Amino acid sequence: MIAEALLYAATVPVTQKAHRKYIRYSVNLWSRAGRCSRQWAEHEENSRRAILKAMAGLKQTRTAVVLGSGLLRDVPIKELAAVFDTVVLIDLVHIATVRLTLKRKRYRNVRLIERDLSGYEELAAGKLAEPLGFLRNVPYLDFVVSANLLSQIGRGVQRRLEAEPDRMPADTVEQLIAAHLTGLAAAPFATCLLTDISYAVIDRTGKRHEETNLLHGVSPPSAAAWSWPVVPLGEESPDYQIVHRVIATY
């Protein structure tokens, strides 16, 4: 608890005021990632490997953008920084440990941007939601990664809808998830999509007690897939684990 409190305190002053309410989610993720590092290792390696495969053979390597860069555990930042002239990491929050790591490694060509990637405010204003439309204005863009972000957009949007249910269309979550996928599919640059698409609650015998579609019925492209024990046995319960299904496409 002390480490989490210190990390939260260190992240507040380097985070935009509008995004500070999301810091606790990033700190909680950092804490769980530390506790579950052994169980998460395969997922993180699979994610890094998918990104490396997607960027292999690119004819131009000027600018790369990582959407949902998070803790950088699933992003091969060393290789990206070595290959591309500029690497832009975009997320709602960049916690202090991530900032410190980048500074210590002296990645001088890495830039951090805070941005809401959901498209929620566009839709709320009655506009066509193009959450990735801003990428058209990024100069010399050759590669974009959506790094285990899409289901988080769905969860975040759902929380906002619960707080203001009468403000938005009933299919807001589905619209914004679809808009993200459409933005990547229509991109004139190379892309890599990593996302968890569902989760299951599984007991010690392997029996599934609950399954949930994290993309709310929106169909993702066909892709390689693997399992990610986000909540392994013993993390929240000695009898149950929560396992996510993850896909990678490029």
Protein backbone atom coordinates (compact mmCIF):
# COMPACT_ATOMS: atom_id res chain seq x y z
CA MET A 1 0.00 0.00 0.00
CA ILE A 2 2.87 2.38 0.74
CA ALA A 3 4.42 1.83 -2.71
CA GLU A 4 1.07 2.42 -4.39
CA ALA A 5 0.47 5.61 -2.39
CA LEU A 6 3.93 6.93 -3.27
CA LEU A 7 3.45 6.13 -6.95
CA TYR A 8 0.06 7.83 -6.96
CA ALA A 9 1.52 10.94 -5.30
CA ALA A 10 4.41 11.07 -7.76
CA THR A 11 2.10 10.72 -10.76
CA VAL A 12 -0.41 13.42 -9.82
CA PRO A 13 1.77 16.48 -10.55
CA VAL A 14 2.85 15.16 -13.98
CA THR A 15 -0.71 14.35 -15.09
CA GLN A 16 -3.25 16.73 -16.59
CA LYS A 17 -5.93 17.69 -14.09
CA ALA A 18 -8.70 16.23 -16.27
CA HIS A 19 -6.98 12.83 -16.27
CA ARG A 20 -6.00 12.56 -12.61
CA LYS A 21 -9.13 10.62 -11.76
CA TYR A 22 -7.74 7.74 -13.85
CA ILE A 23 -4.43 7.50 -11.99
CA ARG A 24 -5.72 5.00 -9.45
CA TYR A 25 -6.61 2.55 -12.24
CA SER A 26 -3.06 2.73 -13.60
CA VAL A 27 -1.56 2.35 -10.13
CA ASN A 28 -3.79 -0.65 -9.41
CA LEU A 29 -2.70 -2.21 -12.70
CA TRP A 30 0.96 -1.59 -11.83
CA SER A 31 0.46 -3.25 -8.46
CA ARG A 32 -1.30 -6.31 -9.91
CA ALA A 33 1.28 -6.63 -12.68
CA GLY A 34 4.00 -6.84 -10.05
CA ARG A 35 2.18 -9.49 -8.03
CA CYS A 36 1.25 -11.53 -11.11
CA SER A 37 4.44 -11.08 -13.13
CA ARG A 38 5.06 -14.82 -13.47
CA GLN A 39 1.52 -15.56 -14.68
CA TRP A 40 1.47 -12.55 -17.03
CA ALA A 41 4.91 -13.20 -18.56
CA GLU A 42 3.69 -15.32 -21.49
CA HIS A 43 1.00 -12.80 -22.45
CA GLU A 44 3.46 -9.92 -22.30
CA GLU A 45 6.00 -11.82 -24.41
CA ASN A 46 3.32 -12.75 -26.96
CA SER A 47 2.29 -9.09 -27.19
CA ARG A 48 5.85 -7.86 -27.67
CA ARG A 49 6.52 -10.58 -30.26
CA ALA A 50 3.39 -9.62 -32.24
CA ILE A 51 4.48 -5.98 -32.36
CA LEU A 52 7.98 -6.93 -33.50
CA LYS A 53 6.53 -9.15 -36.27
CA ALA A 54 4.22 -6.34 -37.38
CA MET A 55 7.08 -3.84 -37.69
CA ALA A 56 9.49 -6.23 -39.36
CA GLY A 57 10.16 -5.41 -42.99
CA LEU A 58 8.67 -1.91 -42.96
CA LYS A 59 10.10 0.13 -45.83
CA GLN A 60 10.01 3.34 -43.79
CA THR A 61 10.53 3.71 -40.04
CA ARG A 62 10.03 7.37 -39.33
CA THR A 63 7.29 7.62 -36.67
CA ALA A 64 5.57 4.94 -34.60
CA VAL A 65 2.58 5.57 -32.32
CA VAL A 66 1.54 3.27 -29.48
CA LEU A 67 -2.08 3.71 -28.41
CA GLY A 68 -2.61 2.62 -24.82
CA SER A 69 1.08 2.34 -23.97
CA GLY A 70 0.27 1.79 -20.28
CA LEU A 71 3.03 0.23 -18.20
CA LEU A 72 5.09 -0.67 -21.31
CA ARG A 73 5.35 -4.26 -20.08
CA ASP A 74 3.70 -5.54 -23.28
CA VAL A 75 5.45 -3.06 -25.59
CA PRO A 76 9.00 -3.61 -26.96
CA ILE A 77 10.00 -0.02 -26.30
CA LYS A 78 13.74 -0.70 -26.64
CA GLU A 79 13.32 -2.06 -30.16
CA LEU A 80 10.81 0.61 -31.19
CA ALA A 81 13.13 3.39 -30.01
CA ALA A 82 16.07 1.81 -31.85
CA VAL A 83 14.23 1.34 -35.16
CA PHE A 84 12.04 4.45 -35.47
CA ASP A 85 13.12 8.08 -35.63
CA THR A 86 10.28 9.04 -33.28
CA VAL A 87 8.08 6.93 -30.98
CA VAL A 88 4.92 8.51 -29.55
CA LEU A 89 3.29 6.87 -26.53
CA ILE A 90 -0.35 7.86 -26.01
CA ASP A 91 -2.49 7.08 -22.97
CA LEU A 92 -4.70 8.81 -20.42
CA VAL A 93 -1.99 8.48 -17.78
CA HIS A 94 1.75 7.86 -17.88
CA ILE A 95 2.64 6.85 -14.32
CA ALA A 96 5.81 8.09 -12.69
CA THR A 97 7.62 4.73 -12.91
CA VAL A 98 7.17 4.68 -16.71
CA ARG A 99 8.44 8.23 -17.00
CA LEU A 100 11.43 7.41 -14.82
CA THR A 101 12.29 4.31 -16.86
CA LEU A 102 12.20 6.24 -20.13
CA LYS A 103 14.39 8.97 -18.65
CA ARG A 104 16.86 6.49 -17.18
CA LYS A 105 17.16 4.61 -20.48
CA ARG A 106 17.68 7.93 -22.28
CA TYR A 107 15.14 7.30 -25.00
CA ARG A 108 15.49 10.77 -26.44
CA ASN A 109 13.24 10.02 -29.41
CA VAL A 110 10.26 8.90 -27.28
CA ARG A 111 7.40 11.36 -26.69
CA LEU A 112 4.55 11.07 -24.20
CA ILE A 113 1.05 12.37 -24.93
CA GLU A 114 -2.01 12.22 -22.69
CA ARG A 115 -5.20 11.71 -24.66
CA ASP A 116 -8.66 10.19 -24.32
CA LEU A 117 -8.73 7.67 -27.17
CA SER A 118 -12.35 6.60 -26.72
CA GLY A 119 -14.15 9.14 -28.95
CA TYR A 120 -16.77 9.60 -26.21
CA GLU A 121 -16.82 13.39 -26.29
CA GLU A 122 -17.21 13.48 -30.08
CA LEU A 123 -20.24 11.23 -29.85
CA ALA A 124 -21.65 13.24 -26.95
CA ALA A 125 -21.40 16.39 -29.10
CA GLY A 126 -23.46 14.75 -31.83
CA LYS A 127 -20.48 14.25 -34.14
CA LEU A 128 -19.30 11.18 -35.99
CA ALA A 129 -16.94 9.40 -33.63
CA GLU A 130 -13.48 9.12 -35.19
CA PRO A 131 -11.30 8.39 -32.16
CA LEU A 132 -8.27 7.71 -34.34
CA GLY A 133 -8.88 10.55 -36.78
CA PHE A 134 -6.13 12.62 -35.15
CA LEU A 135 -3.56 10.18 -36.53
CA ARG A 136 -4.04 11.77 -39.95
CA ASN A 137 -2.24 14.81 -38.58
CA VAL A 138 0.79 12.93 -37.27
CA PRO A 139 3.67 13.64 -39.70
CA TYR A 140 5.64 10.79 -41.26
CA LEU A 141 3.54 8.13 -39.53
CA ASP A 142 4.52 4.62 -40.57
CA PHE A 143 3.31 2.33 -37.77
CA VAL A 144 0.54 2.31 -35.13
CA VAL A 145 0.00 -0.18 -32.32
CA SER A 146 -3.24 -0.51 -30.36
CA ALA A 147 -1.79 -2.16 -27.26
CA ASN A 148 -4.35 -4.08 -25.20
CA LEU A 149 -6.48 -0.94 -25.16
CA LEU A 150 -9.79 -1.69 -26.87
CA SER A 151 -11.50 -3.58 -24.05
CA GLN A 152 -10.37 -0.88 -21.62
CA ILE A 153 -12.11 1.71 -23.79
CA GLY A 154 -15.28 -0.38 -23.53
CA ARG A 155 -15.05 -0.60 -19.75
CA GLY A 156 -14.28 3.09 -19.35
CA VAL A 157 -17.16 4.12 -21.61
CA GLN A 158 -19.52 1.81 -19.73
CA ARG A 159 -18.58 3.48 -16.43
CA ARG A 160 -19.24 6.91 -17.93
CA LEU A 161 -22.60 5.77 -19.30
CA GLU A 162 -23.65 4.57 -15.87
CA ALA A 163 -22.92 8.04 -14.49
CA GLU A 164 -24.88 9.85 -17.24
CA PRO A 165 -27.29 7.31 -18.81
CA ASP A 166 -29.56 9.81 -20.56
CA ARG A 167 -26.82 11.74 -22.36
CA MET A 168 -25.62 9.14 -24.84
CA PRO A 169 -27.01 6.69 -27.44
CA ALA A 170 -27.87 3.25 -26.12
CA ASP A 171 -25.25 1.62 -28.35
CA THR A 172 -22.42 4.00 -27.39
CA VAL A 173 -20.02 1.25 -26.31
CA GLU A 174 -20.56 -0.74 -29.51
CA GLN A 175 -20.20 2.39 -31.68
CA LEU A 176 -16.90 3.41 -30.11
CA ILE A 177 -15.37 -0.06 -30.19
CA ALA A 178 -16.35 -0.38 -33.86
CA ALA A 179 -14.95 3.09 -34.60
CA HIS A 180 -11.56 2.09 -33.18
CA LEU A 181 -11.45 -1.07 -35.30
CA THR A 182 -12.58 0.84 -38.40
CA GLY A 183 -9.92 3.49 -37.83
CA LEU A 184 -7.19 0.88 -37.73
CA ALA A 185 -8.55 -1.08 -40.70
CA ALA A 186 -8.71 2.03 -42.89
CA ALA A 187 -5.27 3.33 -41.93
CA PRO A 188 -2.76 4.03 -44.75
CA PHE A 189 0.10 2.88 -42.47
CA ALA A 190 1.06 -0.45 -40.92
CA THR A 191 -0.89 -1.39 -37.79
CA CYS A 192 -0.89 -3.96 -35.01
CA LEU A 193 -4.01 -4.64 -32.96
CA LEU A 194 -3.67 -6.33 -29.58
CA THR A 195 -6.81 -6.70 -27.52
CA ASP A 196 -8.50 -9.02 -25.08
CA ILE A 197 -11.86 -9.98 -26.53
CA SER A 198 -13.48 -11.99 -23.71
CA TYR A 199 -12.96 -13.38 -20.25
CA ALA A 200 -14.05 -16.44 -18.32
CA VAL A 201 -14.29 -17.21 -14.61
CA ILE A 202 -12.79 -20.68 -14.15
CA ASP A 203 -12.56 -22.82 -11.03
CA ARG A 204 -9.78 -25.17 -9.97
CA THR A 205 -11.30 -28.07 -11.91
CA GLY A 206 -11.33 -26.07 -15.15
CA LYS A 207 -15.10 -25.53 -15.11
CA ARG A 208 -16.25 -22.21 -16.58
CA HIS A 209 -18.78 -20.37 -14.43
CA GLU A 210 -19.12 -17.11 -16.37
CA GLU A 211 -18.08 -15.79 -19.77
CA THR A 212 -18.25 -12.21 -20.99
CA ASN A 213 -17.64 -10.66 -24.41
CA LEU A 214 -15.42 -7.63 -23.80
CA LEU A 215 -16.08 -6.17 -27.27
CA HIS A 216 -19.86 -6.13 -26.68
CA GLY A 217 -20.62 -8.24 -29.73
CA VAL A 218 -18.48 -6.24 -32.17
CA SER A 219 -16.54 -8.71 -34.32
CA PRO A 220 -12.76 -8.23 -34.40
CA PRO A 221 -10.64 -9.37 -37.35
CA SER A 222 -9.45 -12.98 -37.34
CA ALA A 223 -6.10 -13.28 -35.66
CA ALA A 224 -3.67 -15.30 -33.59
CA ALA A 225 -4.97 -15.83 -30.05
CA TRP A 226 -3.85 -16.84 -26.58
CA SER A 227 -5.02 -16.89 -22.97
CA TRP A 228 -4.02 -14.34 -20.32
CA PRO A 229 -4.67 -15.16 -16.64
CA VAL A 230 -5.41 -11.59 -15.60
CA VAL A 231 -6.57 -12.71 -12.15
CA PRO A 232 -4.77 -16.00 -11.40
CA LEU A 233 -5.71 -18.40 -8.64
CA GLY A 234 -4.94 -16.86 -5.27
CA GLU A 235 -5.03 -13.24 -6.48
CA GLU A 236 -8.65 -12.62 -5.51
CA SER A 237 -9.83 -16.12 -4.61
CA PRO A 238 -8.15 -19.46 -3.85
CA ASP A 239 -10.81 -21.23 -5.90
CA TYR A 240 -11.32 -19.13 -9.03
CA GLN A 241 -9.28 -17.40 -11.70
CA ILE A 242 -10.25 -14.94 -14.44
CA VAL A 243 -8.72 -15.73 -17.81
CA HIS A 244 -8.92 -13.36 -20.77
CA ARG A 245 -8.74 -14.32 -24.44
CA VAL A 246 -6.34 -12.07 -26.38
CA ILE A 247 -5.89 -11.62 -30.12
CA ALA A 248 -3.14 -10.07 -32.22
CA THR A 249 -3.56 -9.00 -35.83
CA TYR A 250 -1.31 -7.07 -38.18
